[in-house]
Amino acid sequence: MTTFSNDGDALEVLHQHEVLRVEPWGPDSVRVRAAMGLLPLSDVGALQERPAGGTATLTIEGNSATSSTARWPSRWCCP
């Protein structure tokens, strides 16, 4: 089963033991992280500090979600 959740302006997708996180990253891009289990809190990879100017609008409806930044709309769905 896949679940979508809203964590501030980030979208988290949980499927079985995998997690995917999509968050705005500056005015015209997104950052996508994926992991087995939980995303590490102490090791965030190469992109440490979030750039200014990024916001997203999230909509979760049943088995789909939409995350839209100023220039990057995305739709996530599952059967």
C-alpha atoms as a PDB file:
ATOM      1  CA  MET A   1       0.000   0.000   0.000  1.00  0.00           C
ATOM      2  CA  THR A   2       1.224   3.478  -0.867  1.00  0.00           C
ATOM      3  CA  THR A   3       0.496   6.501   1.290  1.00  0.00           C
ATOM      4  CA  PHE A   4       1.046  10.175   0.589  1.00  0.00           C
ATOM      5  CA  SER A   5       1.632  12.708   3.340  1.00  0.00           C
ATOM      6  CA  ASN A   6       2.225  16.431   3.583  1.00  0.00           C
ATOM      7  CA  ASP A   7       5.227  17.451   5.689  1.00  0.00           C
ATOM      8  CA  GLY A   8       5.167  21.249   5.583  1.00  0.00           C
ATOM      9  CA  ASP A   9       5.642  21.999   1.884  1.00  0.00           C
ATOM     10  CA  ALA A  10       7.292  18.635   1.181  1.00  0.00           C
ATOM     11  CA  LEU A  11       5.529  15.579  -0.188  1.00  0.00           C
ATOM     12  CA  GLU A  12       6.405  12.189   1.285  1.00  0.00           C
ATOM     13  CA  VAL A  13       5.439   8.969  -0.445  1.00  0.00           C
ATOM     14  CA  LEU A  14       5.651   5.741   1.554  1.00  0.00           C
ATOM     15  CA  HIS A  15       5.459   2.394  -0.256  1.00  0.00           C
ATOM     16  CA  GLN A  16       6.098  -0.766   1.719  1.00  0.00           C
ATOM     17  CA  HIS A  17       9.571  -0.123   3.200  1.00  0.00           C
ATOM     18  CA  GLU A  18      10.581   2.696   0.838  1.00  0.00           C
ATOM     19  CA  VAL A  19      10.223   6.452   1.305  1.00  0.00           C
ATOM     20  CA  LEU A  20      10.400   9.207  -1.312  1.00  0.00           C
ATOM     21  CA  ARG A  21      10.512  12.881  -0.348  1.00  0.00           C
ATOM     22  CA  VAL A  22       9.958  15.739  -2.836  1.00  0.00           C
ATOM     23  CA  GLU A  23      10.511  19.280  -1.596  1.00  0.00           C
ATOM     24  CA  PRO A  24      10.941  22.708  -3.219  1.00  0.00           C
ATOM     25  CA  TRP A  25      14.580  23.677  -3.593  1.00  0.00           C
ATOM     26  CA  GLY A  26      14.973  27.297  -4.587  1.00  0.00           C
ATOM     27  CA  PRO A  27      12.601  29.207  -6.874  1.00  0.00           C
ATOM     28  CA  ASP A  28      12.624  26.810  -9.845  1.00  0.00           C
ATOM     29  CA  SER A  29      13.605  23.312  -8.756  1.00  0.00           C
ATOM     30  CA  VAL A  30      12.826  20.441  -6.405  1.00  0.00           C
ATOM     31  CA  ARG A  31      14.936  18.098  -4.342  1.00  0.00           C
ATOM     32  CA  VAL A  32      14.077  14.400  -4.396  1.00  0.00           C
ATOM     33  CA  ARG A  33      15.418  11.967  -1.821  1.00  0.00           C
ATOM     34  CA  ALA A  34      14.679   8.259  -1.532  1.00  0.00           C
ATOM     35  CA  ALA A  35      15.641   5.624   0.998  1.00  0.00           C
ATOM     36  CA  MET A  36      14.834   2.186   2.292  1.00  0.00           C
ATOM     37  CA  GLY A  37      13.132   2.641   5.656  1.00  0.00           C
ATOM     38  CA  LEU A  38      13.675   6.174   6.932  1.00  0.00           C
ATOM     39  CA  LEU A  39      15.498   9.118   5.405  1.00  0.00           C
ATOM     40  CA  PRO A  40      18.591   9.902   7.485  1.00  0.00           C
ATOM     41  CA  LEU A  41      18.336  13.095   9.528  1.00  0.00           C
ATOM     42  CA  SER A  42      22.068  13.607  10.100  1.00  0.00           C
ATOM     43  CA  ASP A  43      23.343  12.864   6.580  1.00  0.00           C
ATOM     44  CA  VAL A  44      21.368  14.868   4.050  1.00  0.00           C
ATOM     45  CA  GLY A  45      23.791  14.415   1.151  1.00  0.00           C
ATOM     46  CA  ALA A  46      25.460  17.070  -0.959  1.00  0.00           C
ATOM     47  CA  LEU A  47      22.641  19.631  -0.693  1.00  0.00           C
ATOM     48  CA  GLN A  48      22.852  20.756   2.911  1.00  0.00           C
ATOM     49  CA  GLU A  49      21.146  24.152   3.150  1.00  0.00           C
ATOM     50  CA  ARG A  50      17.874  24.899   1.435  1.00  0.00           C
ATOM     51  CA  PRO A  51      18.075  27.890  -0.960  1.00  0.00           C
ATOM     52  CA  ALA A  52      15.706  30.795  -0.431  1.00  0.00           C
ATOM     53  CA  GLY A  53      12.689  31.372  -2.586  1.00  0.00           C
ATOM     54  CA  GLY A  54      11.097  27.957  -2.933  1.00  0.00           C
ATOM     55  CA  THR A  55       7.536  27.081  -1.999  1.00  0.00           C
ATOM     56  CA  ALA A  56       5.164  24.360  -3.124  1.00  0.00           C
ATOM     57  CA  THR A  57       1.454  23.732  -3.221  1.00  0.00           C
ATOM     58  CA  LEU A  58       0.467  20.169  -2.316  1.00  0.00           C
ATOM     59  CA  THR A  59      -2.776  18.372  -3.040  1.00  0.00           C
ATOM     60  CA  ILE A  60      -3.390  14.807  -1.893  1.00  0.00           C
ATOM     61  CA  GLU A  61      -6.477  13.006  -3.169  1.00  0.00           C
ATOM     62  CA  GLY A  62      -6.853   9.280  -2.567  1.00  0.00           C
ATOM     63  CA  ASN A  63      -4.118   7.400  -4.439  1.00  0.00           C
ATOM     64  CA  SER A  64      -2.542  10.446  -6.101  1.00  0.00           C
ATOM     65  CA  ALA A  65      -0.761  13.635  -5.118  1.00  0.00           C
ATOM     66  CA  THR A  66       0.270  16.823  -6.902  1.00  0.00           C
ATOM     67  CA  SER A  67       3.221  18.982  -5.900  1.00  0.00           C
ATOM     68  CA  SER A  68       3.580  22.291  -7.737  1.00  0.00           C
ATOM     69  CA  THR A  69       6.365  24.824  -7.470  1.00  0.00           C
ATOM     70  CA  ALA A  70       6.523  28.038  -9.494  1.00  0.00           C
ATOM     71  CA  ARG A  71       8.031  26.239 -12.494  1.00  0.00           C
ATOM     72  CA  TRP A  72       7.828  22.515 -11.750  1.00  0.00           C
ATOM     73  CA  PRO A  73       4.455  20.784 -11.389  1.00  0.00           C
ATOM     74  CA  SER A  74       4.545  17.045 -10.699  1.00  0.00           C
ATOM     75  CA  ARG A  75       1.891  14.388 -10.260  1.00  0.00           C
ATOM     76  CA  TRP A  76       2.448  11.198  -8.315  1.00  0.00           C
ATOM     77  CA  CYS A  77      -0.002   8.330  -8.444  1.00  0.00           C
ATOM     78  CA  CYS A  78      -0.269   4.629  -7.920  1.00  0.00           C
ATOM     79  CA  PRO A  79      -2.812   1.954  -8.849  1.00  0.00           C
END
